Amino acid sequence: HPFDQNKKNANELTKLIEKINVSSNSLDPESLCILTGKFVWQLTVDCIVVRDNGNIIDAILNGAMTALMDMKKPLVNV
């Protein structure tokens, strides 16, 4: 079924992007901690592919990295 294949592809892309982001050190996971062991910021990057006419992985990765570099965390006092 085409939907199942699309979901599988999406899951594979998600894992690849997470792996690349972690290995590139583009975002320090420690910087997402609010209170160690209790509260952290969770980041979600949604990517919508309208048409796949080329290297979709590079396009998604560039978009995700740009979004992460532009991200501003709110100040939180605990």
N, C-alpha and C. Protein backbone atom coordinates (compact mmCIF):
# COMPACT_ATOMS: atom_id res chain seq x y z
N HIS A 1 0.85 -1.18 0.00
CA HIS A 1 0.00 0.00 0.00
C HIS A 1 0.90 1.25 0.00
N PRO A 2 0.61 2.25 -0.84
CA PRO A 2 1.46 3.44 -0.96
C PRO A 2 1.62 4.21 0.35
N PHE A 3 0.56 4.27 1.16
CA PHE A 3 0.64 5.00 2.43
C PHE A 3 1.67 4.36 3.35
N ASP A 4 1.68 3.03 3.41
CA ASP A 4 2.64 2.33 4.27
C ASP A 4 4.08 2.60 3.81
N GLN A 5 4.30 2.63 2.50
CA GLN A 5 5.64 2.90 1.98
C GLN A 5 6.07 4.33 2.30
N ASN A 6 5.14 5.28 2.16
CA ASN A 6 5.45 6.68 2.49
C ASN A 6 5.79 6.83 3.97
N LYS A 7 5.05 6.12 4.83
CA LYS A 7 5.32 6.19 6.27
C LYS A 7 6.69 5.59 6.58
N LYS A 8 7.02 4.50 5.92
CA LYS A 8 8.33 3.88 6.12
C LYS A 8 9.45 4.83 5.67
N ASN A 9 9.27 5.46 4.51
CA ASN A 9 10.26 6.42 4.02
C ASN A 9 10.41 7.59 4.98
N ALA A 10 9.30 8.08 5.50
CA ALA A 10 9.33 9.21 6.43
C ALA A 10 10.08 8.83 7.70
N ASN A 11 9.84 7.63 8.21
CA ASN A 11 10.54 7.18 9.42
C ASN A 11 12.04 7.05 9.17
N GLU A 12 12.41 6.54 8.01
CA GLU A 12 13.84 6.41 7.67
C GLU A 12 14.49 7.78 7.55
N LEU A 13 13.80 8.74 6.93
CA LEU A 13 14.34 10.10 6.81
C LEU A 13 14.49 10.74 8.19
N THR A 14 13.52 10.54 9.06
CA THR A 14 13.58 11.10 10.41
C THR A 14 14.80 10.58 11.15
N LYS A 15 15.02 9.28 11.10
CA LYS A 15 16.18 8.68 11.77
C LYS A 15 17.49 9.21 11.20
N LEU A 16 17.55 9.35 9.88
CA LEU A 16 18.76 9.86 9.23
C LEU A 16 19.04 11.29 9.64
N ILE A 17 18.03 12.13 9.65
CA ILE A 17 18.21 13.54 10.01
C ILE A 17 18.63 13.66 11.48
N GLU A 18 18.02 12.87 12.37
CA GLU A 18 18.42 12.89 13.77
C GLU A 18 19.88 12.48 13.92
N LYS A 19 20.27 11.44 13.21
CA LYS A 19 21.65 10.94 13.29
C LYS A 19 22.64 12.00 12.81
N ILE A 20 22.32 12.66 11.70
CA ILE A 20 23.20 13.68 11.15
C ILE A 20 23.29 14.88 12.08
N ASN A 21 22.16 15.31 12.64
CA ASN A 21 22.16 16.45 13.55
C ASN A 21 22.98 16.16 14.80
N VAL A 22 22.85 14.97 15.34
CA VAL A 22 23.61 14.61 16.55
C VAL A 22 25.10 14.53 16.25
N SER A 23 25.45 13.90 15.13
CA SER A 23 26.87 13.73 14.80
C SER A 23 27.54 15.03 14.36
N SER A 24 26.75 16.00 13.90
CA SER A 24 27.34 17.26 13.42
C SER A 24 27.58 18.26 14.55
N ASN A 25 27.06 17.96 15.73
CA ASN A 25 27.18 18.87 16.88
C ASN A 25 26.58 20.24 16.59
N SER A 26 25.59 20.30 15.71
CA SER A 26 24.97 21.58 15.38
C SER A 26 24.09 22.09 16.51
N LEU A 27 23.67 21.19 17.37
CA LEU A 27 22.85 21.59 18.51
C LEU A 27 23.30 20.78 19.72
N ASP A 28 23.67 21.47 20.77
CA ASP A 28 24.12 20.81 21.99
C ASP A 28 22.89 20.35 22.77
N PRO A 29 22.70 19.03 22.93
CA PRO A 29 21.53 18.53 23.66
C PRO A 29 21.47 19.06 25.10
N GLU A 30 22.62 19.32 25.70
CA GLU A 30 22.64 19.86 27.06
C GLU A 30 21.96 21.23 27.14
N SER A 31 22.02 21.97 26.03
CA SER A 31 21.42 23.31 26.04
C SER A 31 19.90 23.25 26.10
N LEU A 32 19.33 22.07 25.90
CA LEU A 32 17.87 21.93 25.95
C LEU A 32 17.37 21.61 27.35
N CYS A 33 18.29 21.40 28.29
CA CYS A 33 17.91 21.09 29.67
C CYS A 33 17.39 22.34 30.38
N ILE A 34 16.28 22.20 31.05
CA ILE A 34 15.75 23.27 31.89
C ILE A 34 16.09 22.93 33.34
N LEU A 35 15.77 21.73 33.74
CA LEU A 35 16.10 21.22 35.07
C LEU A 35 16.57 19.78 34.86
N THR A 36 17.84 19.53 35.10
CA THR A 36 18.45 18.25 34.79
C THR A 36 17.64 17.08 35.34
N GLY A 37 17.32 16.16 34.45
CA GLY A 37 16.59 14.96 34.82
C GLY A 37 15.09 15.14 34.96
N LYS A 38 14.61 16.38 34.83
CA LYS A 38 13.19 16.62 35.02
C LYS A 38 12.51 17.29 33.83
N PHE A 39 13.09 18.40 33.36
CA PHE A 39 12.45 19.17 32.30
C PHE A 39 13.46 19.49 31.20
N VAL A 40 13.04 19.27 29.98
CA VAL A 40 13.86 19.63 28.82
C VAL A 40 12.95 20.20 27.74
N TRP A 41 13.55 20.96 26.85
CA TRP A 41 12.82 21.42 25.67
C TRP A 41 12.83 20.28 24.66
N GLN A 42 11.71 20.08 24.01
CA GLN A 42 11.62 19.09 22.94
C GLN A 42 11.44 19.86 21.63
N LEU A 43 12.31 19.56 20.67
CA LEU A 43 12.23 20.22 19.38
C LEU A 43 11.60 19.30 18.35
N THR A 44 10.75 19.86 17.53
CA THR A 44 10.13 19.11 16.45
C THR A 44 10.28 19.92 15.18
N VAL A 45 10.79 19.28 14.15
CA VAL A 45 10.91 19.93 12.84
C VAL A 45 10.00 19.16 11.89
N ASP A 46 8.98 19.83 11.38
CA ASP A 46 8.08 19.20 10.42
C ASP A 46 8.51 19.59 9.01
N CYS A 47 8.63 18.59 8.16
CA CYS A 47 8.99 18.83 6.76
C CYS A 47 7.91 18.24 5.88
N ILE A 48 7.46 19.02 4.94
CA ILE A 48 6.45 18.56 4.00
C ILE A 48 7.07 18.54 2.62
N VAL A 49 7.05 17.38 2.00
CA VAL A 49 7.60 17.24 0.65
C VAL A 49 6.45 17.38 -0.34
N VAL A 50 6.51 18.42 -1.14
CA VAL A 50 5.47 18.66 -2.14
C VAL A 50 5.77 17.87 -3.40
N ARG A 51 7.04 17.87 -3.78
CA ARG A 51 7.43 17.15 -5.00
C ARG A 51 8.86 16.67 -4.82
N ASP A 52 9.12 15.46 -5.18
CA ASP A 52 10.46 14.87 -5.05
C ASP A 52 11.08 14.73 -6.43
N ASN A 53 11.79 15.79 -6.84
CA ASN A 53 12.43 15.78 -8.15
C ASN A 53 13.95 15.83 -8.05
N GLY A 54 14.46 15.50 -6.89
CA GLY A 54 15.91 15.62 -6.73
C GLY A 54 16.35 14.99 -5.43
N ASN A 55 17.36 15.59 -4.84
CA ASN A 55 17.93 15.05 -3.62
C ASN A 55 17.14 15.52 -2.41
N ILE A 56 16.14 14.77 -2.07
CA ILE A 56 15.22 15.14 -0.99
C ILE A 56 15.92 15.19 0.37
N ILE A 57 16.88 14.31 0.58
CA ILE A 57 17.58 14.28 1.87
C ILE A 57 18.32 15.58 2.10
N ASP A 58 19.05 16.07 1.10
CA ASP A 58 19.77 17.34 1.25
C ASP A 58 18.80 18.50 1.47
N ALA A 59 17.70 18.51 0.75
CA ALA A 59 16.73 19.60 0.90
C ALA A 59 16.13 19.61 2.30
N ILE A 60 15.74 18.46 2.80
CA ILE A 60 15.16 18.38 4.14
C ILE A 60 16.20 18.72 5.19
N LEU A 61 17.40 18.19 5.04
CA LEU A 61 18.46 18.45 6.01
C LEU A 61 18.81 19.93 6.05
N ASN A 62 18.92 20.58 4.89
CA ASN A 62 19.22 22.01 4.86
C ASN A 62 18.12 22.82 5.53
N GLY A 63 16.89 22.46 5.27
CA GLY A 63 15.77 23.15 5.90
C GLY A 63 15.75 22.96 7.41
N ALA A 64 15.99 21.73 7.85
CA ALA A 64 15.99 21.44 9.29
C ALA A 64 17.14 22.16 9.99
N MET A 65 18.32 22.13 9.39
CA MET A 65 19.47 22.79 10.00
C MET A 65 19.26 24.30 10.07
N THR A 66 18.69 24.89 9.03
CA THR A 66 18.42 26.32 9.03
C THR A 66 17.43 26.67 10.13
N ALA A 67 16.39 25.85 10.27
CA ALA A 67 15.40 26.09 11.33
C ALA A 67 16.04 25.99 12.71
N LEU A 68 16.90 25.00 12.92
CA LEU A 68 17.55 24.83 14.22
C LEU A 68 18.51 25.98 14.53
N MET A 69 19.22 26.46 13.51
CA MET A 69 20.15 27.56 13.74
C MET A 69 19.41 28.86 14.05
N ASP A 70 18.18 28.99 13.57
CA ASP A 70 17.39 30.20 13.78
C ASP A 70 16.55 30.12 15.07
N MET A 71 16.54 28.96 15.71
CA MET A 71 15.71 28.73 16.88
C MET A 71 16.16 29.60 18.06
N LYS A 72 15.20 30.15 18.75
CA LYS A 72 15.44 30.92 19.97
C LYS A 72 14.67 30.26 21.10
N LYS A 73 15.39 29.87 22.15
CA LYS A 73 14.73 29.25 23.30
C LYS A 73 14.22 30.34 24.23
N PRO A 74 13.01 30.19 24.72
CA PRO A 74 12.51 31.14 25.70
C PRO A 74 13.30 31.04 27.01
N LEU A 75 13.44 32.16 27.70
CA LEU A 75 14.08 32.15 29.01
C LEU A 75 13.10 31.60 30.04
N VAL A 76 13.60 30.69 30.87
CA VAL A 76 12.76 30.05 31.86
C VAL A 76 13.45 30.15 33.22
N ASN A 77 12.72 30.60 34.22
CA ASN A 77 13.23 30.62 35.59
C ASN A 77 12.55 29.50 36.37
N VAL A 78 13.37 28.68 37.03
CA VAL A 78 12.82 27.56 37.80
C VAL A 78 12.97 27.86 39.28
